[in-house]
Amino acid sequence: FSNYAMTWYRQGPGKGRERVAAINIYSAVRTY
């Protein structure tokens, strides 16, 4: 797990999957 950035996605009713938030390997960068 520690080799990769991690991203949360979501898919609402009738919608495509979208990116919600991302975090890099050592939590130095977060995007929303």
Full PDB file with SEQRES, HELIX, SHEET, SSBOND, CRYST1, ORIGX, SCALE, CONECT and MASTER records, all heavy atoms in Angstrom:
SEQRES   1 A   32  PHE SER ASN TYR ALA MET THR TRP TYR ARG GLN GLY PRO          
SEQRES   2 A   32  GLY LYS GLY ARG GLU ARG VAL ALA ALA ILE ASN ILE TYR          
SEQRES   3 A   32  SER ALA VAL ARG THR TYR                                      
SHEET    1 AA1 3 MET A   6  GLN A  11  0                                        
SHEET    2 AA1 3 ARG A  17  ILE A  23 -1                                        
SHEET    3 AA1 3 ARG A  30  THR A  31 -1                                        
CRYST1    1.000    1.000    1.000  90.00  90.00  90.00 P 1           1          
ORIGX1      1.000000  0.000000  0.000000        0.00000                         
ORIGX2      0.000000  1.000000  0.000000        0.00000                         
ORIGX3      0.000000  0.000000  1.000000        0.00000                         
SCALE1      1.000000  0.000000  0.000000        0.00000                         
SCALE2      0.000000  1.000000  0.000000        0.00000                         
SCALE3      0.000000  0.000000  1.000000        0.00000                         
ATOM      1  N   PHE A   1       0.814  -1.207   0.000  1.00  0.00           N  
ATOM      2  CA  PHE A   1       0.000   0.000   0.000  1.00  0.00           C  
ATOM      3  C   PHE A   1       0.852   1.263   0.000  1.00  0.00           C  
ATOM      4  O   PHE A   1       0.491   2.271  -0.616  1.00  0.00           O  
ATOM      5  CB  PHE A   1      -0.916  -0.046   1.224  1.00  0.00           C  
ATOM      6  CG  PHE A   1      -1.860   1.107   1.356  1.00  0.00           C  
ATOM      7  CD1 PHE A   1      -2.912   1.277   0.474  1.00  0.00           C  
ATOM      8  CD2 PHE A   1      -1.715   2.015   2.392  1.00  0.00           C  
ATOM      9  CE1 PHE A   1      -3.795   2.329   0.610  1.00  0.00           C  
ATOM     10  CE2 PHE A   1      -2.599   3.067   2.544  1.00  0.00           C  
ATOM     11  CZ  PHE A   1      -3.639   3.223   1.649  1.00  0.00           C  
ATOM     12  N   SER A   2       1.976   1.216   0.673  1.00  0.00           N  
ATOM     13  CA  SER A   2       2.819   2.395   0.831  1.00  0.00           C  
ATOM     14  C   SER A   2       3.573   2.784  -0.439  1.00  0.00           C  
ATOM     15  O   SER A   2       4.256   3.809  -0.446  1.00  0.00           O  
ATOM     16  CB  SER A   2       3.814   2.192   1.975  1.00  0.00           C  
ATOM     17  OG  SER A   2       4.732   1.152   1.683  1.00  0.00           O  
ATOM     18  N   ASN A   3       3.452   2.016  -1.503  1.00  0.00           N  
ATOM     19  CA  ASN A   3       4.108   2.339  -2.767  1.00  0.00           C  
ATOM     20  C   ASN A   3       3.263   3.211  -3.687  1.00  0.00           C  
ATOM     21  O   ASN A   3       3.732   3.614  -4.746  1.00  0.00           O  
ATOM     22  CB  ASN A   3       4.478   1.064  -3.525  1.00  0.00           C  
ATOM     23  CG  ASN A   3       5.733   0.414  -2.998  1.00  0.00           C  
ATOM     24  OD1 ASN A   3       6.458   0.988  -2.190  1.00  0.00           O  
ATOM     25  ND2 ASN A   3       5.995  -0.810  -3.455  1.00  0.00           N  
ATOM     26  N   TYR A   4       2.034   3.516  -3.289  1.00  0.00           N  
ATOM     27  CA  TYR A   4       1.098   4.159  -4.196  1.00  0.00           C  
ATOM     28  C   TYR A   4       0.369   5.328  -3.568  1.00  0.00           C  
ATOM     29  O   TYR A   4       0.102   5.350  -2.367  1.00  0.00           O  
ATOM     30  CB  TYR A   4       0.053   3.145  -4.679  1.00  0.00           C  
ATOM     31  CG  TYR A   4       0.635   1.937  -5.345  1.00  0.00           C  
ATOM     32  CD1 TYR A   4       0.815   0.762  -4.627  1.00  0.00           C  
ATOM     33  CD2 TYR A   4       0.996   1.974  -6.680  1.00  0.00           C  
ATOM     34  CE1 TYR A   4       1.359  -0.357  -5.239  1.00  0.00           C  
ATOM     35  CE2 TYR A   4       1.541   0.865  -7.296  1.00  0.00           C  
ATOM     36  CZ  TYR A   4       1.718  -0.300  -6.572  1.00  0.00           C  
ATOM     37  OH  TYR A   4       2.257  -1.405  -7.179  1.00  0.00           O  
ATOM     38  N   ALA A   5       0.017   6.283  -4.417  1.00  0.00           N  
ATOM     39  CA  ALA A   5      -0.940   7.296  -4.029  1.00  0.00           C  
ATOM     40  C   ALA A   5      -2.320   6.660  -3.933  1.00  0.00           C  
ATOM     41  O   ALA A   5      -2.586   5.633  -4.559  1.00  0.00           O  
ATOM     42  CB  ALA A   5      -0.958   8.434  -5.051  1.00  0.00           C  
ATOM     43  N   MET A   6      -3.199   7.271  -3.151  1.00  0.00           N  
ATOM     44  CA  MET A   6      -4.524   6.728  -2.936  1.00  0.00           C  
ATOM     45  C   MET A   6      -5.570   7.775  -3.287  1.00  0.00           C  
ATOM     46  O   MET A   6      -5.384   8.958  -3.004  1.00  0.00           O  
ATOM     47  CB  MET A   6      -4.664   6.279  -1.474  1.00  0.00           C  
ATOM     48  CG  MET A   6      -5.994   5.625  -1.130  1.00  0.00           C  
ATOM     49  SD  MET A   6      -7.199   6.869  -0.610  1.00  0.00           S  
ATOM     50  CE  MET A   6      -8.703   5.895  -0.733  1.00  0.00           C  
ATOM     51  N   THR A   7      -6.656   7.326  -3.903  1.00  0.00           N  
ATOM     52  CA  THR A   7      -7.718   8.235  -4.312  1.00  0.00           C  
ATOM     53  C   THR A   7      -9.072   7.681  -3.897  1.00  0.00           C  
ATOM     54  O   THR A   7      -9.319   6.478  -4.026  1.00  0.00           O  
ATOM     55  CB  THR A   7      -7.707   8.448  -5.839  1.00  0.00           C  
ATOM     56  OG1 THR A   7      -6.431   8.950  -6.246  1.00  0.00           O  
ATOM     57  CG2 THR A   7      -8.779   9.449  -6.255  1.00  0.00           C  
ATOM     58  N   TRP A   8      -9.926   8.552  -3.402  1.00  0.00           N  
ATOM     59  CA  TRP A   8     -11.330   8.229  -3.189  1.00  0.00           C  
ATOM     60  C   TRP A   8     -12.128   8.696  -4.400  1.00  0.00           C  
ATOM     61  O   TRP A   8     -11.938   9.809  -4.889  1.00  0.00           O  
ATOM     62  CB  TRP A   8     -11.879   8.904  -1.935  1.00  0.00           C  
ATOM     63  CG  TRP A   8     -11.499   8.235  -0.657  1.00  0.00           C  
ATOM     64  CD1 TRP A   8     -10.478   8.568   0.176  1.00  0.00           C  
ATOM     65  CD2 TRP A   8     -12.162   7.120  -0.051  1.00  0.00           C  
ATOM     66  NE1 TRP A   8     -10.460   7.727   1.260  1.00  0.00           N  
ATOM     67  CE2 TRP A   8     -11.480   6.828   1.148  1.00  0.00           C  
ATOM     68  CE3 TRP A   8     -13.272   6.334  -0.402  1.00  0.00           C  
ATOM     69  CZ2 TRP A   8     -11.865   5.781   1.997  1.00  0.00           C  
ATOM     70  CZ3 TRP A   8     -13.650   5.292   0.435  1.00  0.00           C  
ATOM     71  CH2 TRP A   8     -12.943   5.039   1.621  1.00  0.00           C  
ATOM     72  N   TYR A   9     -13.038   7.841  -4.850  1.00  0.00           N  
ATOM     73  CA  TYR A   9     -13.939   8.137  -5.944  1.00  0.00           C  
ATOM     74  C   TYR A   9     -15.376   7.965  -5.455  1.00  0.00           C  
ATOM     75  O   TYR A   9     -15.620   7.348  -4.419  1.00  0.00           O  
ATOM     76  CB  TYR A   9     -13.721   7.187  -7.118  1.00  0.00           C  
ATOM     77  CG  TYR A   9     -12.343   7.208  -7.720  1.00  0.00           C  
ATOM     78  CD1 TYR A   9     -11.296   6.511  -7.128  1.00  0.00           C  
ATOM     79  CD2 TYR A   9     -12.090   7.901  -8.902  1.00  0.00           C  
ATOM     80  CE1 TYR A   9     -10.034   6.509  -7.693  1.00  0.00           C  
ATOM     81  CE2 TYR A   9     -10.828   7.902  -9.468  1.00  0.00           C  
ATOM     82  CZ  TYR A   9      -9.803   7.203  -8.868  1.00  0.00           C  
ATOM     83  OH  TYR A   9      -8.550   7.202  -9.430  1.00  0.00           O  
ATOM     84  N   ARG A  10     -16.311   8.474  -6.217  1.00  0.00           N  
ATOM     85  CA  ARG A  10     -17.712   8.218  -5.921  1.00  0.00           C  
ATOM     86  C   ARG A  10     -18.517   8.171  -7.208  1.00  0.00           C  
ATOM     87  O   ARG A  10     -18.119   8.748  -8.225  1.00  0.00           O  
ATOM     88  CB  ARG A  10     -18.294   9.276  -4.981  1.00  0.00           C  
ATOM     89  CG  ARG A  10     -18.445  10.666  -5.581  1.00  0.00           C  
ATOM     90  CD  ARG A  10     -18.939  11.645  -4.527  1.00  0.00           C  
ATOM     91  NE  ARG A  10     -19.143  12.975  -5.073  1.00  0.00           N  
ATOM     92  CZ  ARG A  10     -19.465  14.038  -4.349  1.00  0.00           C  
ATOM     93  NH1 ARG A  10     -19.617  13.922  -3.024  1.00  0.00           N  
ATOM     94  NH2 ARG A  10     -19.637  15.225  -4.925  1.00  0.00           N  
ATOM     95  N   GLN A  11     -19.628   7.470  -7.131  1.00  0.00           N  
ATOM     96  CA  GLN A  11     -20.535   7.375  -8.260  1.00  0.00           C  
ATOM     97  C   GLN A  11     -21.964   7.546  -7.745  1.00  0.00           C  
ATOM     98  O   GLN A  11     -22.480   6.678  -7.036  1.00  0.00           O  
ATOM     99  CB  GLN A  11     -20.389   6.042  -8.987  1.00  0.00           C  
ATOM    100  CG  GLN A  11     -21.221   5.949 -10.247  1.00  0.00           C  
ATOM    101  CD  GLN A  11     -20.855   4.751 -11.103  1.00  0.00           C  
ATOM    102  OE1 GLN A  11     -20.195   3.819 -10.639  1.00  0.00           O  
ATOM    103  NE2 GLN A  11     -21.283   4.764 -12.351  1.00  0.00           N  
ATOM    104  N   GLY A  12     -22.580   8.658  -8.082  1.00  0.00           N  
ATOM    105  CA  GLY A  12     -23.941   8.931  -7.675  1.00  0.00           C  
ATOM    106  C   GLY A  12     -24.936   8.310  -8.629  1.00  0.00           C  
ATOM    107  O   GLY A  12     -24.579   7.816  -9.703  1.00  0.00           O  
ATOM    108  N   PRO A  13     -26.221   8.331  -8.261  1.00  0.00           N  
ATOM    109  CA  PRO A  13     -27.264   7.754  -9.120  1.00  0.00           C  
ATOM    110  C   PRO A  13     -27.276   8.403 -10.496  1.00  0.00           C  
ATOM    111  O   PRO A  13     -27.354   9.628 -10.619  1.00  0.00           O  
ATOM    112  CB  PRO A  13     -28.554   8.067  -8.354  1.00  0.00           C  
ATOM    113  CG  PRO A  13     -28.120   8.251  -6.931  1.00  0.00           C  
ATOM    114  CD  PRO A  13     -26.775   8.894  -7.023  1.00  0.00           C  
ATOM    115  N   GLY A  14     -27.166   7.586 -11.523  1.00  0.00           N  
ATOM    116  CA  GLY A  14     -27.196   8.092 -12.883  1.00  0.00           C  
ATOM    117  C   GLY A  14     -25.975   8.887 -13.297  1.00  0.00           C  
ATOM    118  O   GLY A  14     -26.008   9.571 -14.331  1.00  0.00           O  
ATOM    119  N   LYS A  15     -24.919   8.808 -12.522  1.00  0.00           N  
ATOM    120  CA  LYS A  15     -23.712   9.570 -12.813  1.00  0.00           C  
ATOM    121  C   LYS A  15     -22.523   8.649 -13.008  1.00  0.00           C  
ATOM    122  O   LYS A  15     -22.520   7.494 -12.584  1.00  0.00           O  
ATOM    123  CB  LYS A  15     -23.413  10.549 -11.672  1.00  0.00           C  
ATOM    124  CG  LYS A  15     -24.512  11.554 -11.383  1.00  0.00           C  
ATOM    125  CD  LYS A  15     -24.107  12.471 -10.243  1.00  0.00           C  
ATOM    126  CE  LYS A  15     -25.218  13.447  -9.896  1.00  0.00           C  
ATOM    127  NZ  LYS A  15     -25.507  14.365 -11.026  1.00  0.00           N  
ATOM    128  N   GLY A  16     -21.494   9.171 -13.643  1.00  0.00           N  
ATOM    129  CA  GLY A  16     -20.257   8.433 -13.780  1.00  0.00           C  
ATOM    130  C   GLY A  16     -19.410   8.533 -12.520  1.00  0.00           C  
ATOM    131  O   GLY A  16     -19.688   9.310 -11.610  1.00  0.00           O  
ATOM    132  N   ARG A  17     -18.378   7.751 -12.477  1.00  0.00           N  
ATOM    133  CA  ARG A  17     -17.476   7.784 -11.341  1.00  0.00           C  
ATOM    134  C   ARG A  17     -16.619   9.048 -11.394  1.00  0.00           C  
ATOM    135  O   ARG A  17     -16.072   9.399 -12.440  1.00  0.00           O  
ATOM    136  CB  ARG A  17     -16.589   6.538 -11.340  1.00  0.00           C  
ATOM    137  CG  ARG A  17     -15.682   6.408 -10.138  1.00  0.00           C  
ATOM    138  CD  ARG A  17     -14.903   5.090 -10.171  1.00  0.00           C  
ATOM    139  NE  ARG A  17     -15.748   3.948  -9.819  1.00  0.00           N  
ATOM    140  CZ  ARG A  17     -16.115   2.998 -10.663  1.00  0.00           C  
ATOM    141  NH1 ARG A  17     -15.719   3.039 -11.928  1.00  0.00           N  
ATOM    142  NH2 ARG A  17     -16.872   2.000 -10.244  1.00  0.00           N  
ATOM    143  N   GLU A  18     -16.517   9.745 -10.276  1.00  0.00           N  
ATOM    144  CA  GLU A  18     -15.735  10.968 -10.212  1.00  0.00           C  
ATOM    145  C   GLU A  18     -14.745  10.909  -9.065  1.00  0.00           C  
ATOM    146  O   GLU A  18     -14.976  10.251  -8.054  1.00  0.00           O  
ATOM    147  CB  GLU A  18     -16.645  12.190 -10.048  1.00  0.00           C  
ATOM    148  CG  GLU A  18     -17.445  12.206  -8.758  1.00  0.00           C  
ATOM    149  CD  GLU A  18     -18.283  13.462  -8.593  1.00  0.00           C  
ATOM    150  OE1 GLU A  18     -18.016  14.460  -9.290  1.00  0.00           O  
ATOM    151  OE2 GLU A  18     -19.210  13.444  -7.754  1.00  0.00           O  
ATOM    152  N   ARG A  19     -13.651  11.609  -9.228  1.00  0.00           N  
ATOM    153  CA  ARG A  19     -12.641  11.692  -8.188  1.00  0.00           C  
ATOM    154  C   ARG A  19     -13.100  12.642  -7.097  1.00  0.00           C  
ATOM    155  O   ARG A  19     -13.600  13.728  -7.378  1.00  0.00           O  
ATOM    156  CB  ARG A  19     -11.317  12.162  -8.768  1.00  0.00           C  
ATOM    157  CG  ARG A  19     -10.725  11.226  -9.806  1.00  0.00           C  
ATOM    158  CD  ARG A  19      -9.509  11.832 -10.463  1.00  0.00           C  
ATOM    159  NE  ARG A  19      -8.396  11.926  -9.523  1.00  0.00           N  
ATOM    160  CZ  ARG A  19      -7.273  12.565  -9.794  1.00  0.00           C  
ATOM    161  NH1 ARG A  19      -7.111  13.168 -10.971  1.00  0.00           N  
ATOM    162  NH2 ARG A  19      -6.300  12.601  -8.888  1.00  0.00           N  
ATOM    163  N   VAL A  20     -12.927  12.245  -5.861  1.00  0.00           N  
ATOM    164  CA  VAL A  20     -13.314  13.052  -4.714  1.00  0.00           C  
ATOM    165  C   VAL A  20     -12.101  13.680  -4.048  1.00  0.00           C  
ATOM    166  O   VAL A  20     -12.070  14.880  -3.772  1.00  0.00           O  
ATOM    167  CB  VAL A  20     -14.102  12.222  -3.689  1.00  0.00           C  
ATOM    168  CG1 VAL A  20     -14.447  13.060  -2.462  1.00  0.00           C  
ATOM    169  CG2 VAL A  20     -15.369  11.654  -4.329  1.00  0.00           C  
ATOM    170  N   ALA A  21     -11.097  12.862  -3.765  1.00  0.00           N  
ATOM    171  CA  ALA A  21      -9.910  13.333  -3.065  1.00  0.00           C  
ATOM    172  C   ALA A  21      -8.762  12.381  -3.321  1.00  0.00           C  
ATOM    173  O   ALA A  21      -8.973  11.197  -3.575  1.00  0.00           O  
ATOM    174  CB  ALA A  21     -10.175  13.445  -1.555  1.00  0.00           C  
ATOM    175  N   ALA A  22      -7.551  12.892  -3.239  1.00  0.00           N  
ATOM    176  CA  ALA A  22      -6.356  12.076  -3.440  1.00  0.00           C  
ATOM    177  C   ALA A  22      -5.295  12.463  -2.430  1.00  0.00           C  
ATOM    178  O   ALA A  22      -5.239  13.607  -1.968  1.00  0.00           O  
ATOM    179  CB  ALA A  22      -5.822  12.240  -4.859  1.00  0.00           C  
ATOM    180  N   ILE A  23      -4.438  11.502  -2.105  1.00  0.00           N  
ATOM    181  CA  ILE A  23      -3.352  11.733  -1.172  1.00  0.00           C  
ATOM    182  C   ILE A  23      -2.130  10.978  -1.658  1.00  0.00           C  
ATOM    183  O   ILE A  23      -2.233   9.841  -2.115  1.00  0.00           O  
ATOM    184  CB  ILE A  23      -3.769  11.296   0.259  1.00  0.00           C  
ATOM    185  CG1 ILE A  23      -2.698  11.654   1.282  1.00  0.00           C  
ATOM    186  CG2 ILE A  23      -4.107   9.815   0.300  1.00  0.00           C  
ATOM    187  CD1 ILE A  23      -3.195  11.505   2.726  1.00  0.00           C  
ATOM    188  N   ASN A  24      -0.975  11.611  -1.588  1.00  0.00           N  
ATOM    189  CA  ASN A  24       0.219  10.936  -2.059  1.00  0.00           C  
ATOM    190  C   ASN A  24       0.772   9.995  -0.997  1.00  0.00           C  
ATOM    191  O   ASN A  24       0.216   9.856   0.091  1.00  0.00           O  
ATOM    192  CB  ASN A  24       1.261  11.941  -2.571  1.00  0.00           C  
ATOM    193  CG  ASN A  24       1.961  12.715  -1.468  1.00  0.00           C  
ATOM    194  OD1 ASN A  24       1.570  12.686  -0.310  1.00  0.00           O  
ATOM    195  ND2 ASN A  24       3.020  13.419  -1.854  1.00  0.00           N  
ATOM    196  N   ILE A  25       1.873   9.343  -1.321  1.00  0.00           N  
ATOM    197  CA  ILE A  25       2.360   8.231  -0.506  1.00  0.00           C  
ATOM    198  C   ILE A  25       2.603   8.596   0.944  1.00  0.00           C  
ATOM    199  O   ILE A  25       2.212   7.850   1.861  1.00  0.00           O  
ATOM    200  CB  ILE A  25       3.647   7.648  -1.129  1.00  0.00           C  
ATOM    201  CG1 ILE A  25       3.326   6.965  -2.459  1.00  0.00           C  
ATOM    202  CG2 ILE A  25       4.313   6.662  -0.172  1.00  0.00           C  
ATOM    203  CD1 ILE A  25       4.551   6.518  -3.225  1.00  0.00           C  
ATOM    204  N   TYR A  26       3.221   9.737   1.165  1.00  0.00           N  
ATOM    205  CA  TYR A  26       3.579  10.126   2.528  1.00  0.00           C  
ATOM    206  C   TYR A  26       2.733  11.276   3.067  1.00  0.00           C  
ATOM    207  O   TYR A  26       3.137  11.972   3.992  1.00  0.00           O  
ATOM    208  CB  TYR A  26       5.065  10.465   2.588  1.00  0.00           C  
ATOM    209  CG  TYR A  26       5.931   9.275   2.294  1.00  0.00           C  
ATOM    210  CD1 TYR A  26       6.654   9.186   1.103  1.00  0.00           C  
ATOM    211  CD2 TYR A  26       5.999   8.214   3.192  1.00  0.00           C  
ATOM    212  CE1 TYR A  26       7.421   8.075   0.829  1.00  0.00           C  
ATOM    213  CE2 TYR A  26       6.768   7.095   2.918  1.00  0.00           C  
ATOM    214  CZ  TYR A  26       7.475   7.040   1.734  1.00  0.00           C  
ATOM    215  OH  TYR A  26       8.246   5.926   1.460  1.00  0.00           O  
ATOM    216  N   SER A  27       1.580  11.476   2.491  1.00  0.00           N  
ATOM    217  CA  SER A  27       0.602  12.454   2.959  1.00  0.00           C  
ATOM    218  C   SER A  27       1.093  13.892   2.851  1.00  0.00           C  
ATOM    219  O   SER A  27       0.549  14.778   3.521  1.00  0.00           O  
ATOM    220  CB  SER A  27       0.182  12.150   4.403  1.00  0.00           C  
ATOM    221  OG  SER A  27      -0.333  10.844   4.517  1.00  0.00           O  
ATOM    222  N   ALA A  28       2.084  14.137   2.020  1.00  0.00           N  
ATOM    223  CA  ALA A  28       2.600  15.486   1.849  1.00  0.00           C  
ATOM    224  C   ALA A  28       1.701  16.348   0.970  1.00  0.00           C  
ATOM    225  O   ALA A  28       1.735  17.572   1.062  1.00  0.00           O  
ATOM    226  CB  ALA A  28       4.004  15.438   1.262  1.00  0.00           C  
ATOM    227  N   VAL A  29       0.911  15.713   0.115  1.00  0.00           N  
ATOM    228  CA  VAL A  29       0.047  16.430  -0.807  1.00  0.00           C  
ATOM    229  C   VAL A  29      -1.347  15.838  -0.755  1.00  0.00           C  
ATOM    230  O   VAL A  29      -1.512  14.619  -0.802  1.00  0.00           O  
ATOM    231  CB  VAL A  29       0.571  16.365  -2.258  1.00  0.00           C  
ATOM    232  CG1 VAL A  29      -0.345  17.157  -3.188  1.00  0.00           C  
ATOM    233  CG2 VAL A  29       1.996  16.898  -2.341  1.00  0.00           C  
ATOM    234  N   ARG A  30      -2.341  16.703  -0.665  1.00  0.00           N  
ATOM    235  CA  ARG A  30      -3.742  16.294  -0.706  1.00  0.00           C  
ATOM    236  C   ARG A  30      -4.455  17.162  -1.729  1.00  0.00           C  
ATOM    237  O   ARG A  30      -4.222  18.365  -1.807  1.00  0.00           O  
ATOM    238  CB  ARG A  30      -4.414  16.465   0.656  1.00  0.00           C  
ATOM    239  CG  ARG A  30      -3.881  15.551   1.753  1.00  0.00           C  
ATOM    240  CD  ARG A  30      -4.518  15.915   3.079  1.00  0.00           C  
ATOM    241  NE  ARG A  30      -4.258  14.929   4.124  1.00  0.00           N  
ATOM    242  CZ  ARG A  30      -3.203  14.955   4.935  1.00  0.00           C  
ATOM    243  NH1 ARG A  30      -2.289  15.915   4.811  1.00  0.00           N  
ATOM    244  NH2 ARG A  30      -3.063  14.014   5.867  1.00  0.00           N  
ATOM    245  N   THR A  31      -5.335  16.556  -2.499  1.00  0.00           N  
ATOM    246  CA  THR A  31      -6.142  17.296  -3.450  1.00  0.00           C  
ATOM    247  C   THR A  31      -7.599  16.913  -3.278  1.00  0.00           C  
ATOM    248  O   THR A  31      -7.919  15.795  -2.882  1.00  0.00           O  
ATOM    249  CB  THR A  31      -5.710  17.045  -4.903  1.00  0.00           C  
ATOM    250  OG1 THR A  31      -5.906  15.666  -5.240  1.00  0.00           O  
ATOM    251  CG2 THR A  31      -4.241  17.398  -5.109  1.00  0.00           C  
ATOM    252  N   TYR A  32      -8.490  17.864  -3.611  1.00  0.00           N  
ATOM    253  CA  TYR A  32      -9.914  17.658  -3.438  1.00  0.00           C  
ATOM    254  C   TYR A  32     -10.669  18.187  -4.644  1.00  0.00           C  
ATOM    255  O   TYR A  32     -10.274  19.186  -5.254  1.00  0.00           O  
ATOM    256  CB  TYR A  32     -10.418  18.370  -2.182  1.00  0.00           C  
ATOM    257  CG  TYR A  32      -9.750  17.918  -0.914  1.00  0.00           C  
ATOM    258  CD1 TYR A  32      -8.667  18.613  -0.385  1.00  0.00           C  
ATOM    259  CD2 TYR A  32     -10.202  16.790  -0.243  1.00  0.00           C  
ATOM    260  CE1 TYR A  32      -8.043  18.199   0.772  1.00  0.00           C  
ATOM    261  CE2 TYR A  32      -9.580  16.366   0.920  1.00  0.00           C  
ATOM    262  CZ  TYR A  32      -8.502  17.065   1.429  1.00  0.00           C  
ATOM    263  OH  TYR A  32      -7.898  16.636   2.581  1.00  0.00           O  
TER     264      TYR A  32                                                      
MASTER        0    0    0    0    3    0    0    6  263    1    0    3          
END                                                                             
